[in-house]
Every structure is written in C-alpha cells, then in structure tokens.
Amino acid sequence: MAKKVKKKELGMGIAALLRDMDAEATQEVQEKVVKELSHSVAMIPLSEIEVNPFQPRKEFDAPSLEELAESLKVHGLIQPLTLRRLADKQYQIISGERRLRAAKIAGLEKLPSYIRLANDQEMLEMALVENIQREDLNAIEIAITYQRLIDECKLTHENLSGRVGKKRSTVSNFLRLLKLPPDIQKGLKERKISMGHARALLGLSDYAYQMSLFHQIIKDGLSVRETEKRVQDYNEPKAKKRGGNQGLPGDYEKVQQNFRSFFGSGKIQLKLKKDGKGQIVIPFNSVKELNQFIEALEE
C-alpha cells in the first residue's frame, strides 16, 4: 500500500521529502514532491556525486577550469548543478559536470544542486513552467530555469518559447545572460543592475573593460542608455576615432550595435559603400568562438 505523506511534511526540507519518497508513492504525492524539488536547492557533498557515464563531453579545457575554480573560491556556485537521485546519498550529474570539476579544484565540499527523481520528466516540465510564472524571480533565476527546461526536458528554443508564452528572442536574451562573468551575474541577481545593463555589457568582448564598466554602473548610477553609449564608443573602429573614417549613418550604426549585442562581440563590423552595397564582417579567433556564433544564429 502506498505510504501517505501529509501535506505539512512538504515543508520539512529536501532531505525529508526524499526520505519519505518510495517507489509506491501515489501520483498525487509524486507531483507534490516534484513541484517542491523543482525550485528547491539542496547542498550536496561532492563525495556523493558521480559523473554521468553517458556524458558525451570527455575533454575539458584545463586553463578554463582553473579560471572557473578561482571564481568559485570567491563567489561560490551561482548556477546550481542538476542531479538525479540514484539512492540515499548517491547522486548522478545531469548537467554541470564542468562546474563539478572546477569545484573539486577549488576545494569546495558541498555544492548547491537541483534534485531530480528517476522518472519525473513530464511532471518536472510542468512544475518548472509553473514556477517561471512567478513575479518575484530575478533575471538570472529565469535564465537558469529556461536552461534547465532545455537541458533536462530536451526542449528547443522554439518549443520553450511556446511553453512559457514568450517570444523566442526574449528567451534567447535571457539565456545569453548566463554567458556573463559570475560577478555580473551576481550583480544582476541582486538587482544592482538591470537586464538592460546586462544586455549592453554582453556587447563587450574585452573582459577587463566589461568588469570596469559594470562597477561604474553601480558606483555612478549609469542609466541603460548611458551604458549602451559607452559600449558603442568603446567598440567603434580605431580608424573612426582617429577621424580617418566618417563612420556609419545613424540607422546603420544602430544595426551594427545590434549585431554586436546579439553575438556578444564588439569586433563585428558593418561596412557600407556609397552605392548602398556592403559587408557584415564577423571575425573569430578560434573554432570555439565560431561555434558560439553559430549557436547564437541557431537560437
């Protein structure tokens, strides 16, 4: 006979929820537990987490892991892992293996994690979509939830936009926030800057200036328009700053800035000739950077 779980027990914490969960639990209990776990974060010891043997990605860039590890030492993990519960004190990575590896390098003992049950796919999707409708979520929480729906529920950007009732471009703009440095993500999460500020900062490929401008926004109270202007001025070709190029007409300048913001690169140029012909130049420094541009287009 299925074990009954009283409604008040759902507020006893994740450990209690999982402990009271069993294979014969009723559908109603399953739904309540999944709904609770969908937005609850547990601190799981690294010793209880194992990697997914079917993870297609086997190689991780060592310098990149070291950089992430240094960031984790200072800020902790902003985007939680997603784990599947296999048994008591035994979890398997669904998403976040790179973060797990960096956490081990950083010497962290526990990591914030979302917990999945064995067969909760459909219920999880419903719970996450319901959770995203809350009005008190900040932009990073929304972005993380969108990413979870993509990673865990295997949704495309188009399917996701339909599920949450948002335009596809809106969904993509939220997801791009997760590419920002941890400091800026934290500032956005704590509402020190707005999403408009964050989107403008995405247009900078220079990490040092990106962080410098982020701190200026907070210190000097820069508006979104002022931030966009500084990004645009910084990204202008050097020839234009020297006066050797008259630059683009206002409308075309705006188009160029939109391209830069969309791809997150200040190196993109829109070149225009007098007869109306021109080029869009998208330089890249590595195959990884090219793939990022391609992913942005596919989104």
C-alpha atoms as a PDB file:
ATOM      1  CA  MET A   1       0.000   0.000   0.000  1.00  0.00           C
ATOM      2  CA  ALA A   2       1.333   3.428  -0.863  1.00  0.00           C
ATOM      3  CA  LYS A   3       2.776   5.370   2.000  1.00  0.00           C
ATOM      4  CA  LYS A   4       0.810   8.530   2.763  1.00  0.00           C
ATOM      5  CA  VAL A   5       2.684  11.792   3.140  1.00  0.00           C
ATOM      6  CA  LYS A   6       0.905  14.560   4.976  1.00  0.00           C
ATOM      7  CA  LYS A   7       0.768  17.930   3.272  1.00  0.00           C
ATOM      8  CA  LYS A   8       2.640  19.651   6.099  1.00  0.00           C
ATOM      9  CA  GLU A   9       5.584  17.298   5.567  1.00  0.00           C
ATOM     10  CA  LEU A  10       6.328  19.016   2.252  1.00  0.00           C
ATOM     11  CA  GLY A  11       7.733  21.944   4.191  1.00  0.00           C
ATOM     12  CA  MET A  12      10.238  19.858   6.152  1.00  0.00           C
ATOM     13  CA  GLY A  13      13.066  20.234   3.670  1.00  0.00           C
ATOM     14  CA  ILE A  14      14.526  18.309   0.781  1.00  0.00           C
ATOM     15  CA  ALA A  15      16.068  15.583   2.923  1.00  0.00           C
ATOM     16  CA  ALA A  16      12.683  14.789   4.463  1.00  0.00           C
ATOM     17  CA  LEU A  17      10.996  14.822   1.062  1.00  0.00           C
ATOM     18  CA  LEU A  18      13.450  12.338  -0.408  1.00  0.00           C
ATOM     19  CA  ARG A  19      13.423  10.165   2.675  1.00  0.00           C
ATOM     20  CA  ASP A  20       9.647   9.865   2.559  1.00  0.00           C
ATOM     21  CA  MET A  21       9.639   9.125  -1.162  1.00  0.00           C
ATOM     22  CA  ASP A  22       9.262   5.477  -2.203  1.00  0.00           C
ATOM     23  CA  ALA A  23       8.562   3.520  -5.358  1.00  0.00           C
ATOM     24  CA  GLU A  24       4.909   3.008  -4.450  1.00  0.00           C
ATOM     25  CA  ALA A  25       4.120   6.656  -3.772  1.00  0.00           C
ATOM     26  CA  THR A  26       0.849   7.834  -5.297  1.00  0.00           C
ATOM     27  CA  GLN A  27       0.751  10.092  -8.354  1.00  0.00           C
ATOM     28  CA  GLU A  28      -0.507  12.936  -6.149  1.00  0.00           C
ATOM     29  CA  VAL A  29       2.446  12.591  -3.787  1.00  0.00           C
ATOM     30  CA  GLN A  30       4.863  12.356  -6.735  1.00  0.00           C
ATOM     31  CA  GLU A  31       3.501  15.594  -8.181  1.00  0.00           C
ATOM     32  CA  LYS A  32       3.791  17.414  -4.856  1.00  0.00           C
ATOM     33  CA  VAL A  33       7.351  16.258  -4.308  1.00  0.00           C
ATOM     34  CA  VAL A  34       8.476  17.118  -7.851  1.00  0.00           C
ATOM     35  CA  LYS A  35       6.846  20.540  -7.607  1.00  0.00           C
ATOM     36  CA  GLU A  36       8.697  21.196  -4.357  1.00  0.00           C
ATOM     37  CA  LEU A  37      12.037  19.966  -5.700  1.00  0.00           C
ATOM     38  CA  SER A  38      11.734  21.931  -8.949  1.00  0.00           C
ATOM     39  CA  HIS A  39      12.665  25.209  -7.252  1.00  0.00           C
ATOM     40  CA  SER A  40      14.374  23.997  -4.067  1.00  0.00           C
ATOM     41  CA  VAL A  41      18.159  23.915  -3.844  1.00  0.00           C
ATOM     42  CA  ALA A  42      19.990  21.338  -1.720  1.00  0.00           C
ATOM     43  CA  MET A  43      23.632  21.449  -0.600  1.00  0.00           C
ATOM     44  CA  ILE A  44      25.042  18.085  -1.683  1.00  0.00           C
ATOM     45  CA  PRO A  45      28.535  16.825  -0.633  1.00  0.00           C
ATOM     46  CA  LEU A  46      30.869  16.311  -3.586  1.00  0.00           C
ATOM     47  CA  SER A  47      31.632  12.829  -2.271  1.00  0.00           C
ATOM     48  CA  GLU A  48      28.022  11.799  -3.002  1.00  0.00           C
ATOM     49  CA  ILE A  49      28.049  12.984  -6.634  1.00  0.00           C
ATOM     50  CA  GLU A  50      29.144  10.820  -9.550  1.00  0.00           C
ATOM     51  CA  VAL A  51      29.521  11.788 -13.199  1.00  0.00           C
ATOM     52  CA  ASN A  52      27.184  10.508 -15.877  1.00  0.00           C
ATOM     53  CA  PRO A  53      28.954   7.676 -17.770  1.00  0.00           C
ATOM     54  CA  PHE A  54      26.974   8.623 -20.888  1.00  0.00           C
ATOM     55  CA  GLN A  55      28.156  12.248 -20.843  1.00  0.00           C
ATOM     56  CA  PRO A  56      29.236  12.899 -24.463  1.00  0.00           C
ATOM     57  CA  ARG A  57      31.742  15.540 -23.470  1.00  0.00           C
ATOM     58  CA  LYS A  58      35.011  13.964 -22.339  1.00  0.00           C
ATOM     59  CA  GLU A  59      37.567  16.768 -22.729  1.00  0.00           C
ATOM     60  CA  PHE A  60      37.556  19.916 -20.563  1.00  0.00           C
ATOM     61  CA  ASP A  61      39.900  22.860 -21.135  1.00  0.00           C
ATOM     62  CA  ALA A  62      42.303  22.946 -18.155  1.00  0.00           C
ATOM     63  CA  PRO A  63      43.001  26.734 -18.101  1.00  0.00           C
ATOM     64  CA  SER A  64      39.269  27.428 -18.340  1.00  0.00           C
ATOM     65  CA  LEU A  65      38.597  25.094 -15.399  1.00  0.00           C
ATOM     66  CA  GLU A  66      41.281  26.861 -13.350  1.00  0.00           C
ATOM     67  CA  GLU A  67      39.685  30.249 -14.066  1.00  0.00           C
ATOM     68  CA  LEU A  68      36.274  28.944 -13.042  1.00  0.00           C
ATOM     69  CA  ALA A  69      37.767  27.381  -9.903  1.00  0.00           C
ATOM     70  CA  GLU A  70      39.255  30.739  -8.864  1.00  0.00           C
ATOM     71  CA  SER A  71      35.859  32.370  -9.369  1.00  0.00           C
ATOM     72  CA  LEU A  72      34.151  29.673  -7.283  1.00  0.00           C
ATOM     73  CA  LYS A  73      36.573  30.288  -4.419  1.00  0.00           C
ATOM     74  CA  VAL A  74      35.434  33.919  -4.291  1.00  0.00           C
ATOM     75  CA  HIS A  75      31.761  33.779  -5.237  1.00  0.00           C
ATOM     76  CA  GLY A  76      30.691  30.173  -4.792  1.00  0.00           C
ATOM     77  CA  LEU A  77      28.487  28.468  -7.385  1.00  0.00           C
ATOM     78  CA  ILE A  78      25.800  30.778  -8.793  1.00  0.00           C
ATOM     79  CA  GLN A  79      24.168  28.298 -11.179  1.00  0.00           C
ATOM     80  CA  PRO A  80      23.357  25.075  -9.254  1.00  0.00           C
ATOM     81  CA  LEU A  81      24.093  21.611 -10.595  1.00  0.00           C
ATOM     82  CA  THR A  82      21.246  19.337 -11.629  1.00  0.00           C
ATOM     83  CA  LEU A  83      21.485  15.855 -10.125  1.00  0.00           C
ATOM     84  CA  ARG A  84      19.499  12.655 -10.438  1.00  0.00           C
ATOM     85  CA  ARG A  85      18.949  10.833  -7.140  1.00  0.00           C
ATOM     86  CA  LEU A  86      20.004   7.205  -7.515  1.00  0.00           C
ATOM     87  CA  ALA A  87      19.748   6.179  -3.873  1.00  0.00           C
ATOM     88  CA  ASP A  88      20.248   7.627  -0.416  1.00  0.00           C
ATOM     89  CA  LYS A  89      23.424   9.795  -0.520  1.00  0.00           C
ATOM     90  CA  GLN A  90      24.061   8.843  -4.138  1.00  0.00           C
ATOM     91  CA  TYR A  91      23.532  11.308  -6.978  1.00  0.00           C
ATOM     92  CA  GLN A  92      24.460  11.464 -10.648  1.00  0.00           C
ATOM     93  CA  ILE A  93      25.190  14.555 -12.758  1.00  0.00           C
ATOM     94  CA  ILE A  94      22.540  15.544 -15.289  1.00  0.00           C
ATOM     95  CA  SER A  95      24.059  18.938 -16.080  1.00  0.00           C
ATOM     96  CA  GLY A  96      27.022  20.829 -14.638  1.00  0.00           C
ATOM     97  CA  GLU A  97      30.000  18.451 -14.889  1.00  0.00           C
ATOM     98  CA  ARG A  98      32.326  21.342 -15.765  1.00  0.00           C
ATOM     99  CA  ARG A  99      31.194  23.189 -12.632  1.00  0.00           C
ATOM    100  CA  LEU A 100      31.680  19.996 -10.597  1.00  0.00           C
ATOM    101  CA  ARG A 101      35.250  19.579 -11.852  1.00  0.00           C
ATOM    102  CA  ALA A 102      36.064  23.222 -11.102  1.00  0.00           C
ATOM    103  CA  ALA A 103      34.554  22.884  -7.616  1.00  0.00           C
ATOM    104  CA  LYS A 104      36.870  19.959  -6.886  1.00  0.00           C
ATOM    105  CA  ILE A 105      39.858  22.066  -7.964  1.00  0.00           C
ATOM    106  CA  ALA A 106      38.622  24.916  -5.750  1.00  0.00           C
ATOM    107  CA  GLY A 107      38.390  22.568  -2.774  1.00  0.00           C
ATOM    108  CA  LEU A 108      34.660  23.049  -2.176  1.00  0.00           C
ATOM    109  CA  GLU A 109      32.974  20.368  -0.096  1.00  0.00           C
ATOM    110  CA  LYS A 110      29.296  20.927  -0.947  1.00  0.00           C
ATOM    111  CA  LEU A 111      27.522  22.341  -3.985  1.00  0.00           C
ATOM    112  CA  PRO A 112      24.025  23.798  -4.442  1.00  0.00           C
ATOM    113  CA  SER A 113      22.003  21.391  -6.565  1.00  0.00           C
ATOM    114  CA  TYR A 114      18.563  20.809  -8.031  1.00  0.00           C
ATOM    115  CA  ILE A 115      17.429  17.238  -7.398  1.00  0.00           C
ATOM    116  CA  ARG A 116      15.626  15.113  -9.977  1.00  0.00           C
ATOM    117  CA  LEU A 117      13.829  11.853  -9.304  1.00  0.00           C
ATOM    118  CA  ALA A 118      14.148   8.821 -11.553  1.00  0.00           C
ATOM    119  CA  ASN A 119      11.124   9.294 -13.817  1.00  0.00           C
ATOM    120  CA  ASP A 120       9.793  12.789 -13.308  1.00  0.00           C
ATOM    121  CA  GLN A 121      10.272  14.246 -16.812  1.00  0.00           C
ATOM    122  CA  GLU A 122       6.729  15.354 -17.573  1.00  0.00           C
ATOM    123  CA  MET A 123       5.979  16.471 -14.019  1.00  0.00           C
ATOM    124  CA  LEU A 124       9.246  18.418 -13.835  1.00  0.00           C
ATOM    125  CA  GLU A 125       8.443  20.310 -17.016  1.00  0.00           C
ATOM    126  CA  MET A 126       5.037  21.307 -15.702  1.00  0.00           C
ATOM    127  CA  ALA A 127       6.494  22.352 -12.341  1.00  0.00           C
ATOM    128  CA  LEU A 128       9.251  24.451 -13.935  1.00  0.00           C
ATOM    129  CA  VAL A 129       6.858  26.173 -16.334  1.00  0.00           C
ATOM    130  CA  GLU A 130       4.560  26.951 -13.413  1.00  0.00           C
ATOM    131  CA  ASN A 131       7.494  28.222 -11.361  1.00  0.00           C
ATOM    132  CA  ILE A 132       8.665  30.571 -14.144  1.00  0.00           C
ATOM    133  CA  GLN A 133       5.353  32.438 -13.965  1.00  0.00           C
ATOM    134  CA  ARG A 134       6.190  33.800 -10.517  1.00  0.00           C
ATOM    135  CA  GLU A 135       6.625  37.571 -10.404  1.00  0.00           C
ATOM    136  CA  ASP A 136       9.417  37.635  -7.815  1.00  0.00           C
ATOM    137  CA  LEU A 137      12.057  35.852  -9.924  1.00  0.00           C
ATOM    138  CA  ASN A 138      15.126  37.834 -10.950  1.00  0.00           C
ATOM    139  CA  ALA A 139      16.575  37.673 -14.464  1.00  0.00           C
ATOM    140  CA  ILE A 140      19.260  35.098 -13.590  1.00  0.00           C
ATOM    141  CA  GLU A 141      16.732  32.790 -11.917  1.00  0.00           C
ATOM    142  CA  ILE A 142      14.586  32.993 -15.052  1.00  0.00           C
ATOM    143  CA  ALA A 143      17.615  32.299 -17.269  1.00  0.00           C
ATOM    144  CA  ILE A 144      18.632  29.285 -15.174  1.00  0.00           C
ATOM    145  CA  THR A 145      15.092  27.897 -15.307  1.00  0.00           C
ATOM    146  CA  TYR A 146      14.980  28.317 -19.096  1.00  0.00           C
ATOM    147  CA  GLN A 147      18.308  26.497 -19.346  1.00  0.00           C
ATOM    148  CA  ARG A 148      17.009  23.691 -17.137  1.00  0.00           C
ATOM    149  CA  LEU A 149      13.981  23.245 -19.390  1.00  0.00           C
ATOM    150  CA  ILE A 150      16.298  22.991 -22.402  1.00  0.00           C
ATOM    151  CA  ASP A 151      18.822  20.651 -20.759  1.00  0.00           C
ATOM    152  CA  GLU A 152      16.547  18.434 -18.710  1.00  0.00           C
ATOM    153  CA  CYS A 153      13.329  18.422 -20.708  1.00  0.00           C
ATOM    154  CA  LYS A 154      15.039  18.398 -24.120  1.00  0.00           C
ATOM    155  CA  LEU A 155      13.129  21.446 -25.391  1.00  0.00           C
ATOM    156  CA  THR A 156      14.236  23.520 -28.365  1.00  0.00           C
ATOM    157  CA  HIS A 157      14.211  27.308 -28.087  1.00  0.00           C
ATOM    158  CA  GLU A 158      11.067  27.393 -30.198  1.00  0.00           C
ATOM    159  CA  ASN A 159       9.289  24.806 -28.036  1.00  0.00           C
ATOM    160  CA  LEU A 160      10.408  26.587 -24.894  1.00  0.00           C
ATOM    161  CA  SER A 161       9.063  29.948 -26.076  1.00  0.00           C
ATOM    162  CA  GLY A 162       5.701  28.290 -26.650  1.00  0.00           C
ATOM    163  CA  ARG A 163       5.708  26.630 -23.223  1.00  0.00           C
ATOM    164  CA  VAL A 164       6.417  29.835 -21.296  1.00  0.00           C
ATOM    165  CA  GLY A 165       4.431  32.178 -23.547  1.00  0.00           C
ATOM    166  CA  LYS A 166       7.394  34.376 -24.505  1.00  0.00           C
ATOM    167  CA  LYS A 167       8.881  35.378 -27.845  1.00  0.00           C
ATOM    168  CA  ARG A 168      11.806  33.260 -28.981  1.00  0.00           C
ATOM    169  CA  SER A 169      14.064  36.347 -28.971  1.00  0.00           C
ATOM    170  CA  THR A 170      13.080  37.042 -25.341  1.00  0.00           C
ATOM    171  CA  VAL A 171      14.031  33.502 -24.334  1.00  0.00           C
ATOM    172  CA  SER A 172      17.375  33.811 -26.159  1.00  0.00           C
ATOM    173  CA  ASN A 173      18.122  37.136 -24.461  1.00  0.00           C
ATOM    174  CA  PHE A 174      17.608  35.592 -21.038  1.00  0.00           C
ATOM    175  CA  LEU A 175      19.782  32.567 -21.869  1.00  0.00           C
ATOM    176  CA  ARG A 176      22.642  34.803 -23.037  1.00  0.00           C
ATOM    177  CA  LEU A 177      22.825  36.284 -19.530  1.00  0.00           C
ATOM    178  CA  LEU A 178      24.415  33.013 -18.366  1.00  0.00           C
ATOM    179  CA  LYS A 179      27.452  33.851 -20.531  1.00  0.00           C
ATOM    180  CA  LEU A 180      28.240  36.890 -18.357  1.00  0.00           C
ATOM    181  CA  PRO A 181      31.063  36.682 -15.770  1.00  0.00           C
ATOM    182  CA  PRO A 182      29.986  35.478 -12.296  1.00  0.00           C
ATOM    183  CA  ASP A 183      30.410  38.968 -10.782  1.00  0.00           C
ATOM    184  CA  ILE A 184      27.957  40.476 -13.242  1.00  0.00           C
ATOM    185  CA  GLN A 185      25.510  37.582 -12.911  1.00  0.00           C
ATOM    186  CA  LYS A 186      25.579  38.089  -9.150  1.00  0.00           C
ATOM    187  CA  GLY A 187      25.018  41.829  -9.563  1.00  0.00           C
ATOM    188  CA  LEU A 188      22.025  41.159 -11.800  1.00  0.00           C
ATOM    189  CA  LYS A 189      20.678  38.534  -9.403  1.00  0.00           C
ATOM    190  CA  GLU A 190      20.935  41.016  -6.526  1.00  0.00           C
ATOM    191  CA  ARG A 191      19.303  43.685  -8.725  1.00  0.00           C
ATOM    192  CA  LYS A 192      22.318  46.006  -8.537  1.00  0.00           C
ATOM    193  CA  ILE A 193      21.996  46.330 -12.317  1.00  0.00           C
ATOM    194  CA  SER A 194      19.053  45.795 -14.658  1.00  0.00           C
ATOM    195  CA  MET A 195      18.662  43.353 -17.509  1.00  0.00           C
ATOM    196  CA  GLY A 196      19.101  46.307 -19.879  1.00  0.00           C
ATOM    197  CA  HIS A 197      22.536  46.985 -18.356  1.00  0.00           C
ATOM    198  CA  ALA A 198      23.437  43.293 -18.616  1.00  0.00           C
ATOM    199  CA  ARG A 199      22.432  43.098 -22.277  1.00  0.00           C
ATOM    200  CA  ALA A 200      24.599  46.129 -23.034  1.00  0.00           C
ATOM    201  CA  LEU A 201      27.574  44.544 -21.232  1.00  0.00           C
ATOM    202  CA  LEU A 202      27.164  41.426 -23.376  1.00  0.00           C
ATOM    203  CA  GLY A 203      28.280  43.569 -26.306  1.00  0.00           C
ATOM    204  CA  LEU A 204      31.812  43.790 -24.886  1.00  0.00           C
ATOM    205  CA  SER A 205      34.380  41.123 -25.658  1.00  0.00           C
ATOM    206  CA  ASP A 206      37.041  42.829 -23.510  1.00  0.00           C
ATOM    207  CA  TYR A 207      36.630  41.223 -20.068  1.00  0.00           C
ATOM    208  CA  ALA A 208      38.629  43.921 -18.249  1.00  0.00           C
ATOM    209  CA  TYR A 209      36.555  46.780 -19.661  1.00  0.00           C
ATOM    210  CA  GLN A 210      33.363  44.783 -19.179  1.00  0.00           C
ATOM    211  CA  MET A 211      34.102  44.480 -15.444  1.00  0.00           C
ATOM    212  CA  SER A 212      35.238  48.091 -15.216  1.00  0.00           C
ATOM    213  CA  LEU A 213      32.015  49.343 -16.783  1.00  0.00           C
ATOM    214  CA  PHE A 214      29.966  47.038 -14.552  1.00  0.00           C
ATOM    215  CA  HIS A 215      31.481  48.671 -11.455  1.00  0.00           C
ATOM    216  CA  GLN A 216      30.950  52.144 -12.958  1.00  0.00           C
ATOM    217  CA  ILE A 217      27.254  51.394 -13.455  1.00  0.00           C
ATOM    218  CA  ILE A 218      26.893  50.612  -9.752  1.00  0.00           C
ATOM    219  CA  LYS A 219      29.148  53.409  -8.491  1.00  0.00           C
ATOM    220  CA  ASP A 220      27.905  56.228 -10.734  1.00  0.00           C
ATOM    221  CA  GLY A 221      24.345  55.046 -11.272  1.00  0.00           C
ATOM    222  CA  LEU A 222      24.685  54.928 -15.056  1.00  0.00           C
ATOM    223  CA  SER A 223      21.431  54.523 -16.956  1.00  0.00           C
ATOM    224  CA  VAL A 224      20.968  51.797 -19.557  1.00  0.00           C
ATOM    225  CA  ARG A 225      21.221  54.404 -22.328  1.00  0.00           C
ATOM    226  CA  GLU A 226      24.498  55.763 -20.892  1.00  0.00           C
ATOM    227  CA  THR A 227      25.860  52.208 -20.610  1.00  0.00           C
ATOM    228  CA  GLU A 228      24.916  51.414 -24.216  1.00  0.00           C
ATOM    229  CA  LYS A 229      26.640  54.635 -25.358  1.00  0.00           C
ATOM    230  CA  ARG A 230      29.868  53.706 -23.568  1.00  0.00           C
ATOM    231  CA  VAL A 231      29.797  50.215 -25.069  1.00  0.00           C
ATOM    232  CA  GLN A 232      29.214  51.692 -28.501  1.00  0.00           C
ATOM    233  CA  ASP A 233      32.042  54.230 -28.102  1.00  0.00           C
ATOM    234  CA  TYR A 234      34.432  51.512 -26.956  1.00  0.00           C
ATOM    235  CA  ASN A 235      33.548  49.247 -29.856  1.00  0.00           C
ATOM    236  CA  GLU A 236      33.956  51.884 -32.551  1.00  0.00           C
ATOM    237  CA  PRO A 237      36.757  51.074 -35.034  1.00  0.00           C
ATOM    238  CA  LYS A 238      40.015  52.891 -34.223  1.00  0.00           C
ATOM    239  CA  ALA A 239      40.067  54.477 -37.666  1.00  0.00           C
ATOM    240  CA  LYS A 240      36.824  56.248 -36.904  1.00  0.00           C
ATOM    241  CA  LYS A 241      38.169  57.542 -33.588  1.00  0.00           C
ATOM    242  CA  ARG A 242      41.216  58.986 -35.412  1.00  0.00           C
ATOM    243  CA  GLY A 243      38.938  60.778 -37.863  1.00  0.00           C
ATOM    244  CA  GLY A 244      40.048  58.658 -40.828  1.00  0.00           C
ATOM    245  CA  ASN A 245      36.560  57.234 -41.248  1.00  0.00           C
ATOM    246  CA  GLN A 246      33.371  59.221 -41.208  1.00  0.00           C
ATOM    247  CA  GLY A 247      31.590  56.250 -39.698  1.00  0.00           C
ATOM    248  CA  LEU A 248      28.166  54.813 -40.471  1.00  0.00           C
ATOM    249  CA  PRO A 249      24.887  56.723 -40.727  1.00  0.00           C
ATOM    250  CA  GLY A 250      22.902  56.630 -37.505  1.00  0.00           C
ATOM    251  CA  ASP A 251      20.492  53.856 -38.542  1.00  0.00           C
ATOM    252  CA  TYR A 252      23.318  51.627 -39.783  1.00  0.00           C
ATOM    253  CA  GLU A 253      25.334  52.314 -36.629  1.00  0.00           C
ATOM    254  CA  LYS A 254      22.375  51.039 -34.628  1.00  0.00           C
ATOM    255  CA  VAL A 255      22.207  47.895 -36.798  1.00  0.00           C
ATOM    256  CA  GLN A 256      25.918  47.289 -36.202  1.00  0.00           C
ATOM    257  CA  GLN A 257      25.440  47.685 -32.452  1.00  0.00           C
ATOM    258  CA  ASN A 258      22.521  45.237 -32.540  1.00  0.00           C
ATOM    259  CA  PHE A 259      24.732  42.661 -34.273  1.00  0.00           C
ATOM    260  CA  ARG A 260      27.422  43.151 -31.637  1.00  0.00           C
ATOM    261  CA  SER A 261      24.957  42.814 -28.785  1.00  0.00           C
ATOM    262  CA  PHE A 262      23.354  39.717 -30.334  1.00  0.00           C
ATOM    263  CA  PHE A 263      26.644  37.870 -30.846  1.00  0.00           C
ATOM    264  CA  GLY A 264      28.309  39.261 -27.702  1.00  0.00           C
ATOM    265  CA  SER A 265      31.316  40.509 -29.702  1.00  0.00           C
ATOM    266  CA  GLY A 266      32.496  44.066 -30.208  1.00  0.00           C
ATOM    267  CA  LYS A 267      34.619  43.058 -33.202  1.00  0.00           C
ATOM    268  CA  ILE A 268      31.732  42.677 -35.652  1.00  0.00           C
ATOM    269  CA  GLN A 269      31.643  45.419 -38.282  1.00  0.00           C
ATOM    270  CA  LEU A 270      29.050  46.617 -40.759  1.00  0.00           C
ATOM    271  CA  LYS A 271      30.787  48.106 -43.789  1.00  0.00           C
ATOM    272  CA  LEU A 272      28.795  50.339 -46.139  1.00  0.00           C
ATOM    273  CA  LYS A 273      29.702  51.735 -49.564  1.00  0.00           C
ATOM    274  CA  LYS A 274      28.257  54.857 -51.180  1.00  0.00           C
ATOM    275  CA  ASP A 275      26.234  52.789 -53.655  1.00  0.00           C
ATOM    276  CA  GLY A 276      24.447  51.006 -50.797  1.00  0.00           C
ATOM    277  CA  LYS A 277      26.416  47.766 -51.034  1.00  0.00           C
ATOM    278  CA  GLY A 278      28.381  46.488 -48.060  1.00  0.00           C
ATOM    279  CA  GLN A 279      29.508  43.670 -45.824  1.00  0.00           C
ATOM    280  CA  ILE A 280      28.928  42.268 -42.369  1.00  0.00           C
ATOM    281  CA  VAL A 281      32.317  41.140 -41.032  1.00  0.00           C
ATOM    282  CA  ILE A 282      32.315  38.593 -38.178  1.00  0.00           C
ATOM    283  CA  PRO A 283      35.928  37.792 -37.212  1.00  0.00           C
ATOM    284  CA  PHE A 284      36.715  34.935 -34.814  1.00  0.00           C
ATOM    285  CA  ASN A 285      39.859  33.825 -33.011  1.00  0.00           C
ATOM    286  CA  SER A 286      39.117  30.121 -32.548  1.00  0.00           C
ATOM    287  CA  VAL A 287      36.836  27.289 -33.556  1.00  0.00           C
ATOM    288  CA  LYS A 288      35.189  27.605 -30.141  1.00  0.00           C
ATOM    289  CA  GLU A 289      34.331  31.249 -30.810  1.00  0.00           C
ATOM    290  CA  LEU A 290      32.996  30.343 -34.285  1.00  0.00           C
ATOM    291  CA  ASN A 291      30.782  27.677 -32.731  1.00  0.00           C
ATOM    292  CA  GLN A 292      29.432  30.260 -30.267  1.00  0.00           C
ATOM    293  CA  PHE A 293      28.428  32.489 -33.186  1.00  0.00           C
ATOM    294  CA  ILE A 294      26.783  29.545 -34.937  1.00  0.00           C
ATOM    295  CA  GLU A 295      24.881  28.613 -31.780  1.00  0.00           C
ATOM    296  CA  ALA A 296      23.640  32.205 -31.473  1.00  0.00           C
ATOM    297  CA  LEU A 297      22.344  32.068 -35.052  1.00  0.00           C
ATOM    298  CA  GLU A 298      20.656  28.714 -34.487  1.00  0.00           C
ATOM    299  CA  GLU A 299      18.943  30.074 -31.390  1.00  0.00           C
END
